[in-house]
Protein backbone atom coordinates (compact mmCIF):
# COMPACT_ATOMS: atom_id res chain seq x y z
CA UNK A 1 0.06 0.06 0.00
CA UNK A 2 1.20 3.45 -0.79
CA UNK A 3 -0.12 5.11 2.18
CA UNK A 4 0.13 4.13 6.00
CA UNK A 5 -2.72 6.41 6.84
CA UNK A 6 -6.17 4.83 7.46
CA UNK A 7 -9.35 6.66 8.17
CA UNK A 8 -11.84 5.20 10.53
CA UNK A 9 -14.00 3.82 7.81
CA UNK A 10 -11.27 2.17 6.07
CA UNK A 11 -9.85 0.53 9.30
CA UNK A 12 -13.29 -0.83 10.18
CA UNK A 13 -13.60 -2.44 6.72
CA UNK A 14 -10.11 -3.93 6.90
CA UNK A 15 -10.92 -5.44 10.37
CA UNK A 16 -14.23 -6.80 9.24
CA UNK A 17 -12.48 -8.45 6.29
CA UNK A 18 -10.13 -10.24 8.56
CA UNK A 19 -12.83 -11.26 10.78
CA UNK A 20 -14.61 -12.87 7.89
CA UNK A 21 -11.60 -14.58 6.89
CA UNK A 22 -11.50 -12.72 3.59
CA UNK A 23 -7.87 -11.36 3.80
CA UNK A 24 -6.49 -8.10 2.73
CA UNK A 25 -8.53 -7.89 -0.49
CA UNK A 26 -12.04 -8.25 1.29
CA UNK A 27 -13.26 -10.45 -1.49
CA UNK A 28 -15.67 -13.40 -0.67
CA UNK A 29 -14.40 -16.86 -0.17
CA UNK A 30 -13.83 -18.74 -3.22
CA UNK A 31 -14.79 -22.17 -3.57
CA UNK A 32 -11.77 -24.69 -3.37
CA UNK A 33 -10.92 -28.01 -4.86
CA UNK A 34 -8.61 -30.50 -3.28
CA UNK A 35 -6.86 -32.97 -5.55
CA UNK A 36 -4.99 -35.95 -3.94
CA UNK A 37 -1.84 -36.93 -5.80
CA UNK A 38 -1.22 -40.59 -4.95
CA UNK A 39 2.47 -40.80 -6.36
CA UNK A 40 3.80 -37.44 -5.18
CA UNK A 41 2.10 -37.83 -1.86
CA UNK A 42 0.55 -34.33 -2.18
CA UNK A 43 -2.63 -32.41 -2.24
CA UNK A 44 -3.10 -29.84 -5.02
CA UNK A 45 -5.25 -26.85 -3.76
CA UNK A 46 -7.20 -24.98 -6.51
CA UNK A 47 -9.14 -21.84 -6.53
CA UNK A 48 -12.35 -22.53 -8.55
CA UNK A 49 -12.92 -19.06 -9.43
CA UNK A 50 -9.60 -18.65 -11.33
CA UNK A 51 -9.15 -22.36 -12.02
CA UNK A 52 -5.54 -22.06 -10.85
CA UNK A 53 -3.36 -23.88 -8.31
CA UNK A 54 -2.93 -21.78 -5.12
CA UNK A 55 -0.95 -24.26 -2.97
CA UNK A 56 0.43 -27.65 -2.74
CA UNK A 57 0.53 -29.42 0.46
CA UNK A 58 2.96 -32.44 1.40
CA UNK A 59 0.76 -35.17 2.97
CA UNK A 60 1.05 -38.82 4.09
CA UNK A 61 2.21 -41.64 1.74
CA UNK A 62 -0.07 -42.48 -1.24
CA UNK A 63 -3.17 -40.28 -0.63
CA UNK A 64 -6.12 -41.47 -2.42
CA UNK A 65 -9.51 -40.92 -0.79
CA UNK A 66 -10.10 -37.20 0.12
CA UNK A 67 -13.09 -35.45 1.54
CA UNK A 68 -14.28 -32.89 3.96
CA UNK A 69 -15.91 -32.91 7.22
CA UNK A 70 -19.63 -31.83 7.07
CA UNK A 71 -18.80 -28.50 8.72
CA UNK A 72 -16.29 -27.78 6.14
CA UNK A 73 -13.50 -27.11 8.68
CA UNK A 74 -11.23 -30.13 8.00
CA UNK A 75 -10.06 -32.07 4.96
CA UNK A 76 -9.67 -35.80 5.55
CA UNK A 77 -7.01 -37.83 3.63
CA UNK A 78 -6.56 -41.41 3.23
CA UNK A 79 -2.85 -41.89 3.55
CA UNK A 80 -3.00 -45.43 2.29
CA UNK A 81 0.70 -46.58 2.77
CA UNK A 82 0.95 -44.92 6.29
CA UNK A 83 -2.39 -46.93 7.24
CA UNK A 84 -3.71 -43.50 8.39
CA UNK A 85 -6.45 -40.98 7.87
CA UNK A 86 -5.00 -37.35 8.27
CA UNK A 87 -7.22 -34.50 9.50
CA UNK A 88 -5.83 -31.27 8.09
CA UNK A 89 -7.07 -27.64 8.53
CA UNK A 90 -8.97 -27.09 5.27
CA UNK A 91 -7.62 -23.42 5.00
CA UNK A 92 -3.91 -23.97 6.08
CA UNK A 93 -3.11 -27.71 5.47
CA UNK A 94 -1.86 -27.81 8.90
CA UNK A 95 -1.88 -31.49 10.26
CA UNK A 96 -4.47 -31.51 12.98
CA UNK A 97 -4.68 -35.39 13.93
CA UNK A 98 -4.23 -38.78 12.61
CA UNK A 99 -7.01 -41.08 12.91
CA UNK A 100 -6.72 -44.88 13.53
CA UNK A 101 -8.01 -46.17 10.04
CA UNK A 102 -7.20 -49.88 9.90
CA UNK A 103 -5.02 -51.13 6.97
CA UNK A 104 -4.62 -49.47 3.73
CA UNK A 105 -7.59 -47.03 3.87
CA UNK A 106 -8.60 -46.24 0.20
CA UNK A 107 -12.05 -44.57 0.30
CA UNK A 108 -14.13 -43.20 3.12
CA UNK A 109 -17.48 -41.30 3.77
CA UNK A 110 -18.38 -38.94 6.48
CA UNK A 111 -21.64 -39.78 7.90
CA UNK A 112 -24.56 -37.39 7.29
CA UNK A 113 -24.90 -36.42 10.86
CA UNK A 114 -21.11 -35.58 10.93
CA UNK A 115 -20.38 -37.80 13.77
CA UNK A 116 -18.62 -40.74 12.13
CA UNK A 117 -16.09 -41.39 9.37
CA UNK A 118 -16.70 -44.68 7.60
CA UNK A 119 -13.62 -46.18 6.06
CA UNK A 120 -12.96 -48.98 3.59
CA UNK A 121 -10.00 -50.92 4.57
CA UNK A 122 -8.63 -52.71 1.51
CA UNK A 123 -6.21 -55.04 3.19
CA UNK A 124 -8.29 -55.87 6.21
CA UNK A 125 -11.41 -56.95 4.45
CA UNK A 126 -13.19 -54.67 6.86
CA UNK A 127 -15.08 -51.29 7.35
CA UNK A 128 -13.91 -49.11 10.24
CA UNK A 129 -16.20 -46.53 11.82
CA UNK A 130 -14.25 -43.68 13.58
CA UNK A 131 -15.84 -41.32 16.00
CA UNK A 132 -14.72 -37.82 14.68
CA UNK A 133 -15.27 -36.26 18.18
CA UNK A 134 -13.29 -38.68 20.36
CA UNK A 135 -11.11 -39.67 17.29
CA UNK A 136 -11.33 -43.51 18.33
CA UNK A 137 -12.70 -46.54 16.40
CA UNK A 138 -16.32 -46.90 17.15
CA UNK A 139 -16.95 -50.27 15.57
CA UNK A 140 -15.82 -52.43 12.77
CA UNK A 141 -17.45 -54.86 10.35
CA UNK A 142 -16.02 -57.53 8.26
CA UNK A 143 -16.86 -57.21 4.45
CA UNK A 144 -15.74 -58.88 1.36
CA UNK A 145 -12.08 -58.90 0.06
CA UNK A 146 -10.42 -55.83 -1.20
CA UNK A 147 -13.30 -53.34 -0.06
CA UNK A 148 -12.87 -49.92 -1.64
CA UNK A 149 -16.10 -47.98 -2.55
CA UNK A 150 -18.12 -46.87 0.25
CA UNK A 151 -21.29 -44.60 0.79
CA UNK A 152 -23.94 -44.14 3.32
CA UNK A 153 -27.56 -43.78 2.14
CA UNK A 154 -29.14 -40.25 2.38
CA UNK A 155 -31.77 -41.45 5.13
CA UNK A 156 -28.71 -42.85 7.16
CA UNK A 157 -29.93 -46.48 7.28
CA UNK A 158 -27.45 -48.07 4.89
CA UNK A 159 -23.73 -48.27 4.65
CA UNK A 160 -22.50 -49.89 1.23
CA UNK A 161 -19.06 -51.20 0.69
CA UNK A 162 -17.81 -52.73 -2.56
CA UNK A 163 -15.47 -55.71 -2.53
CA UNK A 164 -13.21 -55.67 -5.58
CA UNK A 165 -11.93 -59.27 -5.11
CA UNK A 166 -15.29 -61.01 -4.22
CA UNK A 167 -17.52 -59.09 -6.74
CA UNK A 168 -19.92 -58.06 -4.27
CA UNK A 169 -21.47 -55.08 -2.32
CA UNK A 170 -22.17 -55.23 1.52
CA UNK A 171 -25.34 -53.78 2.63
CA UNK A 172 -24.57 -52.76 6.27
CA UNK A 173 -27.53 -51.79 8.67
CA UNK A 174 -26.02 -48.79 10.24
CA UNK A 175 -28.07 -49.31 13.52
CA UNK A 176 -27.17 -52.82 14.12
CA UNK A 177 -23.74 -52.74 12.56
CA UNK A 178 -24.53 -56.01 10.79
CA UNK A 179 -24.12 -57.08 7.07
CA UNK A 180 -27.68 -57.75 5.86
CA UNK A 181 -26.89 -58.69 2.32
CA UNK A 182 -23.74 -59.30 0.05
CA UNK A 183 -25.12 -58.17 -3.45
CA UNK A 184 -23.37 -59.97 -6.41
CA UNK A 185 -22.26 -57.51 -9.10
CA UNK A 186 -20.15 -57.48 -12.35
CA UNK A 187 -16.25 -57.94 -11.93
CA UNK A 188 -14.28 -55.60 -9.57
CA UNK A 189 -16.86 -52.99 -8.18
CA UNK A 190 -14.61 -49.98 -7.32
CA UNK A 191 -17.20 -47.18 -6.49
CA UNK A 192 -20.71 -46.67 -5.05
CA UNK A 193 -22.86 -43.57 -5.13
CA UNK A 194 -26.22 -42.84 -3.96
CA UNK A 195 -28.41 -40.68 -6.25
CA UNK A 196 -29.91 -37.45 -4.77
CA UNK A 197 -33.08 -38.51 -2.84
CA UNK A 198 -31.67 -41.94 -2.00
CA UNK A 199 -33.91 -44.06 -4.13
CA UNK A 200 -31.08 -45.47 -6.37
CA UNK A 201 -27.61 -46.43 -5.77
CA UNK A 202 -25.10 -46.68 -8.57
CA UNK A 203 -22.28 -49.20 -8.57
CA UNK A 204 -19.38 -49.05 -10.96
CA UNK A 205 -17.83 -52.39 -11.73
CA UNK A 206 -14.32 -51.50 -13.10
CA UNK A 207 -13.26 -54.36 -14.87
CA UNK A 208 -16.56 -55.41 -16.35
CA UNK A 209 -16.77 -51.89 -17.70
CA UNK A 210 -20.39 -51.51 -16.36
CA UNK A 211 -22.53 -49.53 -13.89
CA UNK A 212 -25.38 -51.29 -12.05
CA UNK A 213 -28.39 -49.10 -11.09
CA UNK A 214 -29.91 -50.52 -7.98
CA UNK A 215 -33.29 -49.78 -6.51
CA UNK A 216 -32.59 -49.34 -2.87
CA UNK A 217 -36.10 -50.21 -1.62
CA UNK A 218 -35.91 -53.78 -3.09
CA UNK A 219 -32.10 -53.87 -3.12
CA UNK A 220 -32.26 -55.20 -6.75
CA UNK A 221 -30.56 -54.23 -9.91
CA UNK A 222 -32.82 -52.61 -12.32
CA UNK A 223 -30.36 -51.62 -15.08
CA UNK A 224 -26.66 -52.12 -16.11
CA UNK A 225 -25.16 -49.57 -18.24
CA UNK A 226 -22.13 -50.24 -20.66
CA UNK A 227 -20.16 -47.54 -22.27
CA UNK A 228 -19.05 -48.19 -25.90
CA UNK A 229 -16.96 -45.06 -26.13
CA UNK A 230 -16.29 -44.30 -29.83
CA UNK A 231 -12.64 -45.33 -30.84
CA UNK A 232 -11.87 -46.91 -27.44
CA UNK A 233 -11.21 -50.58 -27.00
CA UNK A 234 -13.75 -52.14 -24.69
CA UNK A 235 -11.08 -53.29 -22.25
CA UNK A 236 -10.00 -49.70 -21.50
CA UNK A 237 -13.44 -48.70 -20.36
CA UNK A 238 -13.02 -49.06 -16.64
CA UNK A 239 -15.76 -46.97 -14.65
CA UNK A 240 -14.88 -45.73 -11.25
CA UNK A 241 -15.99 -42.42 -9.80
CA UNK A 242 -19.51 -41.22 -10.21
CA UNK A 243 -21.11 -37.87 -9.45
CA UNK A 244 -24.58 -36.55 -9.87
CA UNK A 245 -25.74 -32.72 -10.33
CA UNK A 246 -27.62 -31.53 -7.36
CA UNK A 247 -30.91 -32.04 -9.08
CA UNK A 248 -30.28 -35.66 -9.68
CA UNK A 249 -30.77 -35.38 -13.46
CA UNK A 250 -27.45 -36.02 -14.74
CA UNK A 251 -24.66 -38.45 -13.73
CA UNK A 252 -20.97 -37.96 -14.84
CA UNK A 253 -18.79 -41.27 -14.57
CA UNK A 254 -14.98 -41.39 -14.88
CA UNK A 255 -14.06 -44.24 -17.31
CA UNK A 256 -10.40 -44.61 -16.35
CA UNK A 257 -8.24 -46.09 -18.99
CA UNK A 258 -10.78 -44.96 -21.56
CA UNK A 259 -9.27 -41.33 -20.74
CA UNK A 260 -12.70 -39.71 -20.56
CA UNK A 261 -15.94 -39.56 -18.84
CA UNK A 262 -19.66 -40.57 -19.66
CA UNK A 263 -22.69 -38.22 -19.40
CA UNK A 264 -25.74 -40.08 -18.40
CA UNK A 265 -29.40 -38.90 -18.27
CA UNK A 266 -30.53 -40.39 -15.07
CA UNK A 267 -34.29 -40.54 -15.86
CA UNK A 268 -33.87 -42.36 -19.22
CA UNK A 269 -30.74 -44.32 -17.97
CA UNK A 270 -29.11 -43.46 -21.45
CA UNK A 271 -25.76 -42.23 -22.10
CA UNK A 272 -25.88 -38.93 -23.74
CA UNK A 273 -22.25 -38.31 -24.56
CA UNK A 274 -18.57 -39.01 -23.83
CA UNK A 275 -15.84 -36.43 -23.19
CA UNK A 276 -11.99 -37.08 -23.30
CA UNK A 277 -10.65 -35.31 -20.32
CA UNK A 278 -7.05 -36.72 -20.03
CA UNK A 279 -5.17 -39.66 -18.89
CA UNK A 280 -6.96 -42.13 -16.77
CA UNK A 281 -9.51 -40.05 -14.92
CA UNK A 282 -10.41 -42.07 -11.70
CA UNK A 283 -12.54 -39.65 -9.69
CA UNK A 284 -14.25 -36.26 -10.16
CA UNK A 285 -16.31 -33.77 -8.29
CA UNK A 286 -19.01 -31.34 -9.49
CA UNK A 287 -18.90 -27.63 -8.54
CA UNK A 288 -21.66 -26.40 -6.07
CA UNK A 289 -23.25 -24.39 -8.87
CA UNK A 290 -23.47 -27.54 -11.04
CA UNK A 291 -21.83 -25.79 -13.85
CA UNK A 292 -18.30 -27.62 -14.01
CA UNK A 293 -16.98 -31.23 -13.20
CA UNK A 294 -13.46 -31.11 -11.69
CA UNK A 295 -11.79 -34.40 -13.05
CA UNK A 296 -8.49 -35.89 -11.64
CA UNK A 297 -6.37 -37.46 -14.63
CA UNK A 298 -4.27 -40.10 -13.06
CA UNK A 299 -1.57 -40.64 -15.85
CA UNK A 300 -1.49 -37.20 -17.38
CA UNK A 301 -0.81 -35.70 -14.03
CA UNK A 302 -3.38 -32.82 -14.57
CA UNK A 303 -7.06 -31.73 -13.79
CA UNK A 304 -9.54 -31.12 -16.22
CA UNK A 305 -12.43 -28.71 -16.07
CA UNK A 306 -15.51 -29.88 -17.94
CA UNK A 307 -18.15 -27.54 -18.74
CA UNK A 308 -21.57 -29.30 -18.02
CA UNK A 309 -23.49 -26.90 -20.43
CA UNK A 310 -21.29 -27.38 -23.52
CA UNK A 311 -19.97 -30.73 -22.47
CA UNK A 312 -16.32 -29.70 -23.45
CA UNK A 313 -13.22 -29.33 -21.44
CA UNK A 314 -12.49 -25.65 -21.27
CA UNK A 315 -9.14 -26.01 -19.25
CA UNK A 316 -6.52 -28.34 -17.81
CA UNK A 317 -3.90 -27.53 -15.28
CA UNK A 318 -1.07 -29.39 -13.92
CA UNK A 319 -1.43 -31.24 -10.56
CA UNK A 320 1.01 -33.61 -8.81
CA UNK A 321 1.89 -37.10 -9.78
CA UNK A 322 -1.06 -39.42 -10.15
CA UNK A 323 -4.10 -37.30 -9.34
CA UNK A 324 -6.50 -39.69 -7.82
CA UNK A 325 -9.56 -38.03 -5.72
CA UNK A 326 -11.22 -34.59 -5.63
CA UNK A 327 -13.02 -32.97 -2.76
CA UNK A 328 -14.50 -29.41 -3.03
CA UNK A 329 -15.17 -26.79 -0.32
CA UNK A 330 -17.99 -24.47 -1.22
């Protein structure tokens, strides 16, 4: 600043800006994306207004799953090779605590009431529930071999966990902490995602190249989607991460080594298009305004911004080595 003299009004505005967490500029807080880079053991922090990298945090070994606490204060990171879940301040990246996670945590899900963190332990064939207040294990349930995908139903009743090795999904009753059913799926289910409203759950079977649409009330598969992406051999189509727009009308599915994503109309259950995003997109997230999908490209080492109106990639920016997961703080 050129002048060191502040009038009362300017000083009050500056103080208010700091109190609101806006910094010297006084601008509103920008939505932030966090991308886990499993090979460089870093988190890439991206300002979604400018679509530029604003920071890089060194974290535990082989970070994969990444999510936020329900209040948005903390970023949670599966440090898989450290057998730990890190809690970091979402603004500064400072390590706050390390949770007991079981062996090789890969994906996790914060409960809708914000009290528990559900963790899929790939090497333990188990799901661990950690109390986020006491930061201790609340309970643990045995599931199929190599669990990875995990999600809670919006009504809080069910916790679903995929088993890559057994080709099943465990339906866990959260109230009783018991497995009620082991649902058979196509080969190697990697991800599970409830549609808004919770009436359907979608299961990505990576090696089969399919996504099951399941009716939650009957726990039955009502449709199986396949993805014949033009110019791509079928064996490279490996669906994993799934995200829905907030209105539940559109699903975006990362297709792994097909190097792109599929866009699906939820009502008709039809693929409406494919978009090349970069090398091996494994996971993605949709911005709060439903305008953009932020896609982590694992082998090209970058992040793609997919405009959902035009269905075109508008920008790609460099991340760390092996981008894997995405979380967004509104």
